[in-house]
């Protein structure tokens, strides 16, 4: 049976390009879904699970890292590959800490996507060849508790979602509607975020979020 793939990227051209490469180069890989956001991927994964999920990091509403965390909570056996333009250490570290097994740099993804899918589907790790061997050793061989704990790690998944929506400019009412929670609950989460991060202004929160690569627009 072919390896079933679902891709999530808000750039349709990128997804179509990768899909075309997979269809041309590998008959044992089948793309069963292409979606434009993390939220849509989670919904599709419930209805039609895949063997491997290929996620961008910079996506609206739910970024790829939060999506991966939620996906692994839905199904702890989910196999995830990140495909991103970001090649800095902090982003790659956060991505792999979710439990993902692969990370591809977009500029080289066309050449490596087939290898990455086969490796991750077997349970192995695969990092883009443009990432140094030093990074590979550091990120793959270290256990999760060896990574430096930051304030970000104190945030719950819901608090991270709310930060994403705040940075996107949503008001409390819009956030409540988007997440299907009450406005009072939004206020509670915002107070918890402020306490955990010691950040009390929305502009400062946005700067912190971008600096720590919590969100990308």
N, C-alpha and C. Protein backbone atom coordinates (compact mmCIF):
# COMPACT_ATOMS: atom_id res chain seq x y z
N UNK A 1 0.84 -1.20 0.00
CA UNK A 1 0.00 0.00 0.00
C UNK A 1 0.87 1.25 0.00
N UNK A 2 0.43 2.30 -0.69
CA UNK A 2 1.22 3.55 -0.71
C UNK A 2 1.22 4.25 0.64
N UNK A 3 2.25 5.04 0.86
CA UNK A 3 2.34 5.87 2.06
C UNK A 3 1.40 7.06 1.87
N UNK A 4 0.43 7.22 2.75
CA UNK A 4 -0.56 8.29 2.63
C UNK A 4 -0.04 9.58 3.27
N UNK A 5 -0.14 10.67 2.51
CA UNK A 5 0.40 11.96 2.94
C UNK A 5 -0.70 13.02 2.99
N UNK A 6 -0.67 13.85 4.03
CA UNK A 6 -1.47 15.07 4.06
C UNK A 6 -0.50 16.24 4.24
N UNK A 7 -0.67 17.28 3.41
CA UNK A 7 0.19 18.46 3.48
C UNK A 7 -0.61 19.67 3.93
N UNK A 8 0.04 20.54 4.71
CA UNK A 8 -0.58 21.79 5.15
C UNK A 8 0.39 22.94 4.89
N UNK A 9 -0.02 23.85 4.04
CA UNK A 9 0.80 25.02 3.70
C UNK A 9 -0.14 26.06 3.12
N UNK A 10 -0.05 27.31 3.58
CA UNK A 10 -0.96 28.32 3.06
C UNK A 10 -0.49 28.90 1.73
N UNK A 11 0.57 28.34 1.16
CA UNK A 11 1.02 28.71 -0.18
C UNK A 11 0.68 27.57 -1.13
N UNK A 12 -0.41 27.73 -1.88
CA UNK A 12 -0.89 26.67 -2.75
C UNK A 12 0.15 26.25 -3.78
N UNK A 13 0.92 27.20 -4.27
CA UNK A 13 1.93 26.89 -5.29
C UNK A 13 2.96 25.91 -4.75
N UNK A 14 3.37 26.11 -3.49
CA UNK A 14 4.34 25.22 -2.87
C UNK A 14 3.78 23.80 -2.79
N UNK A 15 2.54 23.69 -2.30
CA UNK A 15 1.94 22.36 -2.17
C UNK A 15 1.78 21.67 -3.51
N UNK A 16 1.33 22.42 -4.51
CA UNK A 16 1.15 21.82 -5.83
C UNK A 16 2.48 21.35 -6.40
N UNK A 17 3.54 22.13 -6.15
CA UNK A 17 4.86 21.75 -6.63
C UNK A 17 5.36 20.47 -5.99
N UNK A 18 5.21 20.37 -4.66
CA UNK A 18 5.64 19.17 -3.95
C UNK A 18 4.79 17.97 -4.36
N UNK A 19 3.50 18.19 -4.51
CA UNK A 19 2.60 17.10 -4.93
C UNK A 19 3.01 16.58 -6.30
N UNK A 20 3.33 17.48 -7.20
CA UNK A 20 3.75 17.08 -8.55
C UNK A 20 5.04 16.26 -8.51
N UNK A 21 5.96 16.68 -7.65
CA UNK A 21 7.23 15.94 -7.51
C UNK A 21 6.97 14.53 -6.99
N UNK A 22 6.13 14.42 -5.99
CA UNK A 22 5.82 13.11 -5.41
C UNK A 22 5.15 12.20 -6.43
N UNK A 23 4.22 12.74 -7.19
CA UNK A 23 3.52 11.93 -8.19
C UNK A 23 4.46 11.47 -9.30
N UNK A 24 5.47 12.29 -9.59
CA UNK A 24 6.41 11.97 -10.66
C UNK A 24 7.49 10.99 -10.22
N UNK A 25 7.99 11.16 -8.99
CA UNK A 25 9.16 10.41 -8.55
C UNK A 25 8.86 9.18 -7.72
N UNK A 26 7.68 9.08 -7.15
CA UNK A 26 7.43 7.96 -6.25
C UNK A 26 6.01 7.42 -6.41
N UNK A 27 5.91 6.17 -6.83
CA UNK A 27 4.61 5.54 -6.99
C UNK A 27 4.08 4.96 -5.69
N UNK A 28 4.91 4.91 -4.67
CA UNK A 28 4.45 4.35 -3.40
C UNK A 28 4.11 5.43 -2.38
N UNK A 29 3.93 6.67 -2.84
CA UNK A 29 3.49 7.77 -1.99
C UNK A 29 2.24 8.38 -2.60
N UNK A 30 1.19 8.53 -1.80
CA UNK A 30 -0.06 9.09 -2.30
C UNK A 30 -0.47 10.29 -1.44
N UNK A 31 -0.63 11.45 -2.07
CA UNK A 31 -1.09 12.65 -1.36
C UNK A 31 -2.62 12.58 -1.28
N UNK A 32 -3.14 12.40 -0.08
CA UNK A 32 -4.59 12.25 0.09
C UNK A 32 -5.27 13.53 0.55
N UNK A 33 -4.47 14.58 0.80
CA UNK A 33 -5.08 15.84 1.21
C UNK A 33 -4.09 16.98 1.21
N UNK A 34 -4.55 18.15 0.77
CA UNK A 34 -3.75 19.39 0.81
C UNK A 34 -4.63 20.46 1.42
N UNK A 35 -4.19 21.06 2.53
CA UNK A 35 -4.99 22.07 3.22
C UNK A 35 -4.15 23.31 3.45
N UNK A 36 -4.81 24.42 3.74
CA UNK A 36 -4.13 25.71 3.83
C UNK A 36 -3.91 26.20 5.26
N UNK A 37 -4.31 25.42 6.26
CA UNK A 37 -4.11 25.86 7.64
C UNK A 37 -3.99 24.68 8.57
N UNK A 38 -3.44 24.93 9.76
CA UNK A 38 -3.32 23.89 10.75
C UNK A 38 -4.67 23.39 11.23
N UNK A 39 -5.62 24.29 11.34
CA UNK A 39 -6.96 23.91 11.79
C UNK A 39 -7.59 22.92 10.83
N UNK A 40 -7.45 23.19 9.52
CA UNK A 40 -8.03 22.29 8.52
C UNK A 40 -7.32 20.94 8.52
N UNK A 41 -6.02 20.95 8.79
CA UNK A 41 -5.30 19.68 8.84
C UNK A 41 -5.81 18.81 9.99
N UNK A 42 -6.01 19.42 11.16
CA UNK A 42 -6.49 18.66 12.30
C UNK A 42 -7.87 18.07 12.03
N UNK A 43 -8.71 18.83 11.36
CA UNK A 43 -10.05 18.34 11.02
C UNK A 43 -9.97 17.19 10.04
N UNK A 44 -9.10 17.32 9.03
CA UNK A 44 -8.96 16.26 8.03
C UNK A 44 -8.34 15.01 8.63
N UNK A 45 -7.38 15.20 9.54
CA UNK A 45 -6.71 14.05 10.15
C UNK A 45 -7.68 13.19 10.96
N UNK A 46 -8.70 13.81 11.54
CA UNK A 46 -9.71 13.05 12.28
C UNK A 46 -10.55 12.20 11.34
N UNK A 47 -10.85 12.76 10.17
CA UNK A 47 -11.71 12.05 9.22
C UNK A 47 -10.94 11.04 8.37
N UNK A 48 -9.71 11.41 8.01
CA UNK A 48 -8.95 10.61 7.06
C UNK A 48 -7.47 10.63 7.46
N UNK A 49 -7.08 9.84 8.46
CA UNK A 49 -5.69 9.88 8.95
C UNK A 49 -4.68 9.52 7.87
N UNK A 50 -3.52 10.14 7.95
CA UNK A 50 -2.44 9.86 7.01
C UNK A 50 -1.32 9.11 7.71
N UNK A 51 -0.40 8.59 6.92
CA UNK A 51 0.78 7.95 7.50
C UNK A 51 1.82 8.99 7.89
N UNK A 52 1.94 10.03 7.06
CA UNK A 52 2.92 11.10 7.31
C UNK A 52 2.26 12.44 7.02
N UNK A 53 2.52 13.43 7.89
CA UNK A 53 1.98 14.78 7.71
C UNK A 53 3.14 15.73 7.43
N UNK A 54 2.99 16.55 6.40
CA UNK A 54 4.03 17.51 6.02
C UNK A 54 3.48 18.91 6.31
N UNK A 55 4.07 19.62 7.27
CA UNK A 55 3.53 20.90 7.73
C UNK A 55 4.50 22.05 7.50
N UNK A 56 3.94 23.17 7.04
CA UNK A 56 4.69 24.42 7.08
C UNK A 56 4.64 24.93 8.52
N UNK A 57 5.56 25.80 8.89
CA UNK A 57 5.51 26.39 10.23
C UNK A 57 4.68 27.66 10.25
N UNK A 58 4.85 28.51 9.25
CA UNK A 58 4.14 29.80 9.21
C UNK A 58 2.79 29.63 8.55
N UNK A 59 1.76 29.40 9.38
CA UNK A 59 0.39 29.26 8.88
C UNK A 59 -0.54 30.11 9.74
N UNK A 60 -1.65 30.58 9.18
CA UNK A 60 -2.59 31.40 9.94
C UNK A 60 -3.36 30.59 10.98
N UNK A 61 -3.84 31.29 12.01
CA UNK A 61 -4.67 30.75 13.09
C UNK A 61 -3.87 29.79 13.97
N UNK A 62 -3.45 28.65 13.41
CA UNK A 62 -2.60 27.72 14.14
C UNK A 62 -1.29 27.57 13.36
N UNK A 63 -0.19 27.98 13.95
CA UNK A 63 1.08 27.76 13.25
C UNK A 63 1.43 26.27 13.27
N UNK A 64 2.44 25.90 12.50
CA UNK A 64 2.76 24.49 12.36
C UNK A 64 3.16 23.81 13.65
N UNK A 65 3.88 24.53 14.50
CA UNK A 65 4.34 23.92 15.75
C UNK A 65 3.17 23.59 16.67
N UNK A 66 2.24 24.52 16.81
CA UNK A 66 1.05 24.25 17.63
C UNK A 66 0.20 23.15 17.01
N UNK A 67 0.10 23.16 15.67
CA UNK A 67 -0.66 22.12 14.97
C UNK A 67 -0.06 20.75 15.24
N UNK A 68 1.26 20.65 15.19
CA UNK A 68 1.92 19.36 15.44
C UNK A 68 1.64 18.87 16.85
N UNK A 69 1.70 19.78 17.82
CA UNK A 69 1.42 19.41 19.21
C UNK A 69 0.00 18.88 19.35
N UNK A 70 -0.94 19.55 18.73
CA UNK A 70 -2.34 19.12 18.80
C UNK A 70 -2.53 17.78 18.06
N UNK A 71 -1.88 17.65 16.91
CA UNK A 71 -2.00 16.43 16.13
C UNK A 71 -1.50 15.22 16.92
N UNK A 72 -0.39 15.40 17.62
CA UNK A 72 0.17 14.30 18.42
C UNK A 72 -0.68 14.01 19.65
N UNK A 73 -1.45 14.99 20.09
CA UNK A 73 -2.40 14.73 21.18
C UNK A 73 -3.59 13.95 20.65
N UNK A 74 -3.98 14.22 19.41
CA UNK A 74 -5.06 13.45 18.78
C UNK A 74 -4.62 12.01 18.53
N UNK A 75 -3.39 11.86 18.06
CA UNK A 75 -2.85 10.55 17.73
C UNK A 75 -1.35 10.56 18.00
N UNK A 76 -0.95 9.93 19.09
CA UNK A 76 0.46 9.98 19.51
C UNK A 76 1.40 9.31 18.51
N UNK A 77 0.85 8.53 17.58
CA UNK A 77 1.67 7.85 16.59
C UNK A 77 1.83 8.64 15.29
N UNK A 78 1.31 9.86 15.25
CA UNK A 78 1.42 10.68 14.05
C UNK A 78 2.89 10.93 13.70
N UNK A 79 3.20 10.81 12.42
CA UNK A 79 4.57 11.05 11.94
C UNK A 79 4.59 12.36 11.17
N UNK A 80 5.44 13.28 11.61
CA UNK A 80 5.36 14.65 11.12
C UNK A 80 6.70 15.11 10.55
N UNK A 81 6.61 15.77 9.40
CA UNK A 81 7.76 16.43 8.80
C UNK A 81 7.44 17.92 8.68
N UNK A 82 8.31 18.78 9.19
CA UNK A 82 8.15 20.21 8.95
C UNK A 82 8.88 20.58 7.67
N UNK A 83 8.27 21.45 6.90
CA UNK A 83 8.88 21.96 5.68
C UNK A 83 8.78 23.48 5.74
N UNK A 84 9.91 24.15 5.96
CA UNK A 84 9.86 25.57 6.29
C UNK A 84 11.01 26.34 5.65
N UNK A 85 10.81 27.64 5.53
CA UNK A 85 11.88 28.52 5.05
C UNK A 85 12.84 28.88 6.18
N UNK A 86 12.45 28.60 7.43
CA UNK A 86 13.26 28.98 8.59
C UNK A 86 14.35 27.94 8.84
N UNK A 87 15.61 28.40 8.89
CA UNK A 87 16.72 27.49 9.12
C UNK A 87 17.52 27.84 10.37
N UNK A 88 16.96 28.67 11.25
CA UNK A 88 17.71 29.02 12.45
C UNK A 88 17.47 28.00 13.56
N UNK A 89 18.43 27.90 14.42
CA UNK A 89 18.46 26.84 15.44
C UNK A 89 17.24 26.84 16.34
N UNK A 90 16.79 28.01 16.79
CA UNK A 90 15.69 28.05 17.76
C UNK A 90 14.40 27.52 17.16
N UNK A 91 14.15 27.82 15.88
CA UNK A 91 12.93 27.33 15.24
C UNK A 91 13.00 25.81 15.06
N UNK A 92 14.13 25.32 14.59
CA UNK A 92 14.29 23.88 14.38
C UNK A 92 14.16 23.13 15.71
N UNK A 93 14.74 23.71 16.75
CA UNK A 93 14.66 23.09 18.08
C UNK A 93 13.22 22.98 18.54
N UNK A 94 12.46 24.07 18.42
CA UNK A 94 11.05 24.05 18.84
C UNK A 94 10.27 23.04 18.01
N UNK A 95 10.55 22.98 16.71
CA UNK A 95 9.83 22.07 15.83
C UNK A 95 10.06 20.62 16.24
N UNK A 96 11.29 20.24 16.49
CA UNK A 96 11.59 18.85 16.83
C UNK A 96 11.13 18.49 18.24
N UNK A 97 11.05 19.49 19.09
CA UNK A 97 10.58 19.23 20.46
C UNK A 97 9.11 18.82 20.48
N UNK A 98 8.38 19.12 19.44
CA UNK A 98 6.96 18.71 19.39
C UNK A 98 6.83 17.20 19.29
N UNK A 99 7.88 16.54 18.80
CA UNK A 99 7.80 15.10 18.53
C UNK A 99 7.89 14.79 17.05
N UNK A 100 8.06 15.83 16.24
CA UNK A 100 8.22 15.63 14.79
C UNK A 100 9.52 14.89 14.53
N UNK A 101 9.55 14.18 13.39
CA UNK A 101 10.72 13.37 13.05
C UNK A 101 11.51 13.95 11.88
N UNK A 102 10.97 14.96 11.22
CA UNK A 102 11.68 15.49 10.06
C UNK A 102 11.59 16.99 9.96
N UNK A 103 12.61 17.59 9.34
CA UNK A 103 12.62 19.04 9.11
C UNK A 103 13.34 19.30 7.80
N UNK A 104 12.62 19.88 6.84
CA UNK A 104 13.17 20.22 5.53
C UNK A 104 13.18 21.72 5.32
N UNK A 105 14.26 22.23 4.75
CA UNK A 105 14.30 23.62 4.31
C UNK A 105 13.63 23.68 2.94
N UNK A 106 12.72 24.62 2.76
CA UNK A 106 11.91 24.64 1.54
C UNK A 106 12.73 24.69 0.26
N UNK A 107 13.84 25.40 0.29
CA UNK A 107 14.61 25.56 -0.95
C UNK A 107 15.22 24.24 -1.42
N UNK A 108 15.35 23.27 -0.51
CA UNK A 108 15.89 21.98 -0.91
C UNK A 108 14.87 20.85 -0.80
N UNK A 109 13.61 21.21 -0.47
CA UNK A 109 12.58 20.19 -0.21
C UNK A 109 12.28 19.33 -1.43
N UNK A 110 12.29 19.93 -2.61
CA UNK A 110 11.98 19.17 -3.82
C UNK A 110 12.94 18.01 -4.00
N UNK A 111 14.21 18.24 -3.66
CA UNK A 111 15.23 17.20 -3.83
C UNK A 111 15.20 16.15 -2.73
N UNK A 112 14.60 16.49 -1.59
CA UNK A 112 14.71 15.60 -0.43
C UNK A 112 13.39 15.04 0.08
N UNK A 113 12.28 15.51 -0.43
CA UNK A 113 10.99 15.15 0.14
C UNK A 113 10.71 13.66 0.10
N UNK A 114 11.07 12.99 -0.99
CA UNK A 114 10.81 11.55 -1.09
C UNK A 114 11.62 10.78 -0.04
N UNK A 115 12.92 11.11 0.08
CA UNK A 115 13.77 10.46 1.08
C UNK A 115 13.23 10.71 2.49
N UNK A 116 12.81 11.95 2.73
CA UNK A 116 12.32 12.31 4.06
C UNK A 116 11.07 11.52 4.42
N UNK A 117 10.15 11.40 3.49
CA UNK A 117 8.90 10.68 3.75
C UNK A 117 9.17 9.21 4.04
N UNK A 118 10.02 8.59 3.24
CA UNK A 118 10.34 7.18 3.47
C UNK A 118 11.02 6.97 4.82
N UNK A 119 11.94 7.86 5.17
CA UNK A 119 12.66 7.73 6.44
C UNK A 119 11.72 7.89 7.63
N UNK A 120 10.94 8.96 7.61
CA UNK A 120 10.04 9.23 8.73
C UNK A 120 8.96 8.17 8.84
N UNK A 121 8.47 7.68 7.71
CA UNK A 121 7.46 6.63 7.74
C UNK A 121 7.98 5.37 8.42
N UNK A 122 9.28 5.13 8.32
CA UNK A 122 9.90 3.96 8.97
C UNK A 122 10.21 4.22 10.44
N UNK A 123 10.02 5.47 10.88
CA UNK A 123 10.31 5.80 12.27
C UNK A 123 11.64 6.46 12.49
N UNK A 124 12.37 6.74 11.38
CA UNK A 124 13.67 7.39 11.50
C UNK A 124 13.51 8.91 11.48
N UNK A 125 14.60 9.62 11.83
CA UNK A 125 14.65 11.06 11.69
C UNK A 125 15.17 11.42 10.30
N UNK A 126 14.76 12.61 9.83
CA UNK A 126 15.36 13.13 8.59
C UNK A 126 15.41 14.65 8.69
N UNK A 127 16.60 15.19 8.63
CA UNK A 127 16.79 16.64 8.59
C UNK A 127 17.42 17.02 7.27
N UNK A 128 17.02 18.17 6.76
CA UNK A 128 17.53 18.66 5.49
C UNK A 128 19.05 18.68 5.49
N UNK A 129 19.63 18.32 4.35
CA UNK A 129 21.08 18.25 4.24
C UNK A 129 21.74 19.61 4.43
N UNK A 130 20.99 20.69 4.28
CA UNK A 130 21.56 22.02 4.48
C UNK A 130 21.74 22.37 5.95
N UNK A 131 21.13 21.56 6.83
CA UNK A 131 21.34 21.74 8.27
C UNK A 131 22.63 21.02 8.64
N UNK A 132 23.50 21.69 9.35
CA UNK A 132 24.83 21.14 9.63
C UNK A 132 24.75 19.86 10.44
N UNK A 133 25.80 19.05 10.32
CA UNK A 133 25.87 17.80 11.08
C UNK A 133 25.92 18.08 12.58
N UNK A 134 26.46 19.23 12.95
CA UNK A 134 26.46 19.62 14.36
C UNK A 134 25.04 19.79 14.88
N UNK A 135 24.20 20.47 14.09
CA UNK A 135 22.81 20.66 14.48
C UNK A 135 22.10 19.32 14.56
N UNK A 136 22.34 18.46 13.61
CA UNK A 136 21.70 17.15 13.59
C UNK A 136 22.02 16.39 14.87
N UNK A 137 23.29 16.38 15.24
CA UNK A 137 23.70 15.67 16.45
C UNK A 137 23.08 16.29 17.69
N UNK A 138 23.08 17.60 17.74
CA UNK A 138 22.57 18.30 18.92
C UNK A 138 21.07 18.10 19.10
N UNK A 139 20.33 18.22 18.00
CA UNK A 139 18.88 18.22 18.10
C UNK A 139 18.27 16.83 18.16
N UNK A 140 18.87 15.88 17.48
CA UNK A 140 18.27 14.55 17.42
C UNK A 140 18.70 13.69 18.61
N UNK A 141 19.95 13.75 19.01
CA UNK A 141 20.46 12.84 20.01
C UNK A 141 20.18 13.29 21.44
N UNK A 142 19.91 14.55 21.64
CA UNK A 142 19.60 15.01 22.99
C UNK A 142 18.16 14.66 23.35
N UNK A 143 17.93 14.25 24.56
CA UNK A 143 16.57 14.00 25.01
C UNK A 143 15.90 15.33 25.28
N UNK A 144 14.58 15.33 25.29
CA UNK A 144 13.83 16.57 25.43
C UNK A 144 14.18 17.33 26.70
N UNK A 145 14.48 16.62 27.79
CA UNK A 145 14.74 17.34 29.04
C UNK A 145 16.10 18.00 29.08
N UNK A 146 16.90 17.83 28.02
CA UNK A 146 18.19 18.50 27.96
C UNK A 146 18.10 19.86 27.30
N UNK A 147 16.97 20.14 26.64
CA UNK A 147 16.81 21.44 26.03
C UNK A 147 16.55 22.50 27.11
N UNK A 148 17.04 23.65 26.87
CA UNK A 148 16.88 24.75 27.81
C UNK A 148 15.40 25.13 27.94
N UNK A 149 14.90 25.15 29.15
CA UNK A 149 13.51 25.50 29.38
C UNK A 149 13.35 27.02 29.33
N UNK A 150 12.38 27.46 28.56
CA UNK A 150 12.10 28.89 28.46
C UNK A 150 10.68 29.16 28.96
N UNK A 151 10.39 30.40 29.15
CA UNK A 151 9.05 30.76 29.60
C UNK A 151 7.98 30.24 28.67
N UNK A 152 8.32 30.16 27.39
CA UNK A 152 7.37 29.65 26.39
C UNK A 152 6.84 28.28 26.78
N UNK A 153 7.70 27.45 27.36
CA UNK A 153 7.32 26.08 27.70
C UNK A 153 6.28 26.03 28.82
N UNK A 154 6.10 27.13 29.52
CA UNK A 154 5.11 27.17 30.60
C UNK A 154 3.70 27.40 30.07
N UNK A 155 3.60 27.81 28.80
CA UNK A 155 2.30 28.13 28.22
C UNK A 155 1.57 26.86 27.81
N UNK A 156 0.25 26.87 28.00
CA UNK A 156 -0.57 25.75 27.53
C UNK A 156 -0.83 25.93 26.03
N UNK A 157 -1.33 24.90 25.40
CA UNK A 157 -1.66 24.98 23.97
C UNK A 157 -2.68 26.08 23.71
N UNK A 158 -3.67 26.19 24.59
CA UNK A 158 -4.70 27.22 24.41
C UNK A 158 -4.11 28.62 24.53
N UNK A 159 -3.19 28.80 25.46
CA UNK A 159 -2.54 30.10 25.63
C UNK A 159 -1.70 30.46 24.40
N UNK A 160 -1.06 29.46 23.81
CA UNK A 160 -0.29 29.71 22.59
C UNK A 160 -1.20 30.10 21.42
N UNK A 161 -2.34 29.44 21.34
CA UNK A 161 -3.32 29.80 20.30
C UNK A 161 -3.76 31.24 20.47
N UNK A 162 -4.02 31.64 21.71
CA UNK A 162 -4.50 32.99 21.97
C UNK A 162 -3.41 34.01 21.62
N UNK A 163 -2.16 33.71 21.92
CA UNK A 163 -1.07 34.60 21.53
C UNK A 163 -1.05 34.77 20.02
N UNK A 164 -1.19 33.67 19.28
CA UNK A 164 -1.22 33.73 17.82
C UNK A 164 -2.32 34.68 17.34
N UNK A 165 -3.51 34.54 17.90
CA UNK A 165 -4.65 35.35 17.47
C UNK A 165 -4.47 36.81 17.88
N UNK A 166 -3.89 37.05 19.05
CA UNK A 166 -3.63 38.42 19.49
C UNK A 166 -2.65 39.11 18.54
N UNK A 167 -1.60 38.39 18.18
CA UNK A 167 -0.60 38.96 17.27
C UNK A 167 -1.21 39.24 15.90
N UNK A 168 -2.19 38.43 15.51
CA UNK A 168 -2.88 38.65 14.24
C UNK A 168 -3.86 39.83 14.31
N UNK A 169 -4.01 40.40 15.52
CA UNK A 169 -4.83 41.60 15.66
C UNK A 169 -6.25 41.37 16.09
N UNK A 170 -6.57 40.17 16.54
CA UNK A 170 -7.95 39.88 16.94
C UNK A 170 -8.25 40.46 18.32
N UNK A 171 -9.48 40.95 18.47
CA UNK A 171 -9.96 41.43 19.77
C UNK A 171 -10.46 40.24 20.58
N UNK A 172 -10.73 40.48 21.87
CA UNK A 172 -11.16 39.38 22.74
C UNK A 172 -12.43 38.70 22.24
N UNK A 173 -13.39 39.50 21.74
CA UNK A 173 -14.63 38.91 21.24
C UNK A 173 -14.38 38.00 20.05
N UNK A 174 -13.48 38.45 19.17
CA UNK A 174 -13.16 37.63 17.99
C UNK A 174 -12.45 36.34 18.39
N UNK A 175 -11.57 36.45 19.37
CA UNK A 175 -10.86 35.26 19.85
C UNK A 175 -11.84 34.27 20.47
N UNK A 176 -12.75 34.79 21.28
CA UNK A 176 -13.75 33.93 21.90
C UNK A 176 -14.58 33.20 20.85
N UNK A 177 -14.97 33.94 19.81
CA UNK A 177 -15.76 33.33 18.74
C UNK A 177 -14.94 32.29 17.96
N UNK A 178 -13.69 32.63 17.69
CA UNK A 178 -12.81 31.73 16.92
C UNK A 178 -12.55 30.41 17.66
N UNK A 179 -12.33 30.52 18.98
CA UNK A 179 -11.97 29.34 19.77
C UNK A 179 -13.17 28.70 20.45
N UNK A 180 -14.35 29.29 20.25
CA UNK A 180 -15.60 28.79 20.84
C UNK A 180 -15.47 28.70 22.36
N UNK A 181 -15.06 29.82 22.96
CA UNK A 181 -14.99 29.93 24.41
C UNK A 181 -15.60 31.26 24.80
N UNK A 182 -15.83 31.47 26.10
CA UNK A 182 -16.42 32.72 26.56
C UNK A 182 -15.37 33.82 26.62
N UNK A 183 -15.85 35.07 26.62
CA UNK A 183 -14.93 36.20 26.75
C UNK A 183 -14.22 36.16 28.10
N UNK A 184 -14.93 35.75 29.14
CA UNK A 184 -14.30 35.64 30.46
C UNK A 184 -13.15 34.64 30.45
N UNK A 185 -13.32 33.55 29.69
CA UNK A 185 -12.26 32.56 29.58
C UNK A 185 -11.05 33.15 28.85
N UNK A 186 -11.32 33.96 27.83
CA UNK A 186 -10.24 34.63 27.11
C UNK A 186 -9.47 35.53 28.07
N UNK A 187 -10.21 36.29 28.90
CA UNK A 187 -9.57 37.18 29.88
C UNK A 187 -8.70 36.37 30.85
N UNK A 188 -9.20 35.22 31.29
CA UNK A 188 -8.44 34.37 32.21
C UNK A 188 -7.14 33.90 31.57
N UNK A 189 -7.25 33.45 30.32
CA UNK A 189 -6.05 33.00 29.61
C UNK A 189 -5.05 34.14 29.43
N UNK A 190 -5.56 35.32 29.10
CA UNK A 190 -4.66 36.47 28.90
C UNK A 190 -3.96 36.84 30.20
N UNK A 191 -4.67 36.76 31.31
CA UNK A 191 -4.04 37.04 32.60
C UNK A 191 -2.96 36.01 32.93
N UNK A 192 -3.25 34.75 32.60
CA UNK A 192 -2.26 33.70 32.84
C UNK A 192 -1.02 33.89 31.97
N UNK A 193 -1.24 34.31 30.72
CA UNK A 193 -0.12 34.58 29.80
C UNK A 193 0.75 35.70 30.36
N UNK A 194 0.09 36.78 30.79
CA UNK A 194 0.82 37.93 31.34
C UNK A 194 1.63 37.53 32.57
N UNK A 195 1.03 36.69 33.42
CA UNK A 195 1.72 36.26 34.64
C UNK A 195 2.92 35.36 34.32
N UNK A 196 2.72 34.40 33.42
CA UNK A 196 3.79 33.45 33.11
C UNK A 196 4.96 34.11 32.38
N UNK A 197 4.64 35.05 31.50
CA UNK A 197 5.70 35.68 30.71
C UNK A 197 6.18 36.99 31.30
N UNK A 198 5.43 37.49 32.30
CA UNK A 198 5.72 38.81 32.88
C UNK A 198 5.69 39.88 31.80
N UNK A 199 4.70 39.77 30.92
CA UNK A 199 4.49 40.74 29.84
C UNK A 199 3.03 41.20 29.93
N UNK A 200 2.82 42.51 30.01
CA UNK A 200 1.48 43.01 30.28
C UNK A 200 0.93 43.92 29.18
N UNK A 201 1.73 44.20 28.16
CA UNK A 201 1.27 45.01 27.05
C UNK A 201 1.25 44.18 25.78
N UNK A 202 0.21 44.39 24.95
CA UNK A 202 0.07 43.58 23.74
C UNK A 202 1.23 43.80 22.77
N UNK A 203 1.72 45.03 22.69
CA UNK A 203 2.85 45.31 21.78
C UNK A 203 4.10 44.55 22.23
N UNK A 204 4.32 44.51 23.54
CA UNK A 204 5.47 43.77 24.06
C UNK A 204 5.30 42.27 23.84
N UNK A 205 4.05 41.80 23.96
CA UNK A 205 3.77 40.38 23.73
C UNK A 205 4.08 40.02 22.28
N UNK A 206 3.70 40.89 21.35
CA UNK A 206 3.96 40.64 19.94
C UNK A 206 5.46 40.57 19.67
N UNK A 207 6.21 41.51 20.25
CA UNK A 207 7.67 41.50 20.07
C UNK A 207 8.29 40.22 20.62
N UNK A 208 7.82 39.81 21.80
CA UNK A 208 8.32 38.58 22.41
C UNK A 208 8.00 37.37 21.53
N UNK A 209 6.77 37.33 21.01
CA UNK A 209 6.33 36.20 20.20
C UNK A 209 7.17 36.02 18.95
N UNK A 210 7.47 37.14 18.29
CA UNK A 210 8.29 37.07 17.08
C UNK A 210 9.73 36.74 17.40
N UNK A 211 10.24 37.31 18.49
CA UNK A 211 11.63 37.06 18.88
C UNK A 211 11.87 35.60 19.19
N UNK A 212 10.90 34.98 19.88
CA UNK A 212 11.03 33.59 20.28
C UNK A 212 10.47 32.62 19.24
N UNK A 213 10.02 33.16 18.10
CA UNK A 213 9.47 32.34 17.02
C UNK A 213 8.26 31.52 17.46
N UNK A 214 7.47 32.11 18.37
CA UNK A 214 6.24 31.47 18.79
C UNK A 214 5.20 31.55 17.69
N UNK A 215 5.20 32.67 16.99
CA UNK A 215 4.25 32.85 15.89
C UNK A 215 5.00 33.38 14.68
N UNK A 216 4.47 33.07 13.52
CA UNK A 216 4.95 33.66 12.27
C UNK A 216 3.74 34.02 11.43
N UNK A 217 3.78 35.15 10.80
CA UNK A 217 2.67 35.58 9.96
C UNK A 217 3.05 35.49 8.50
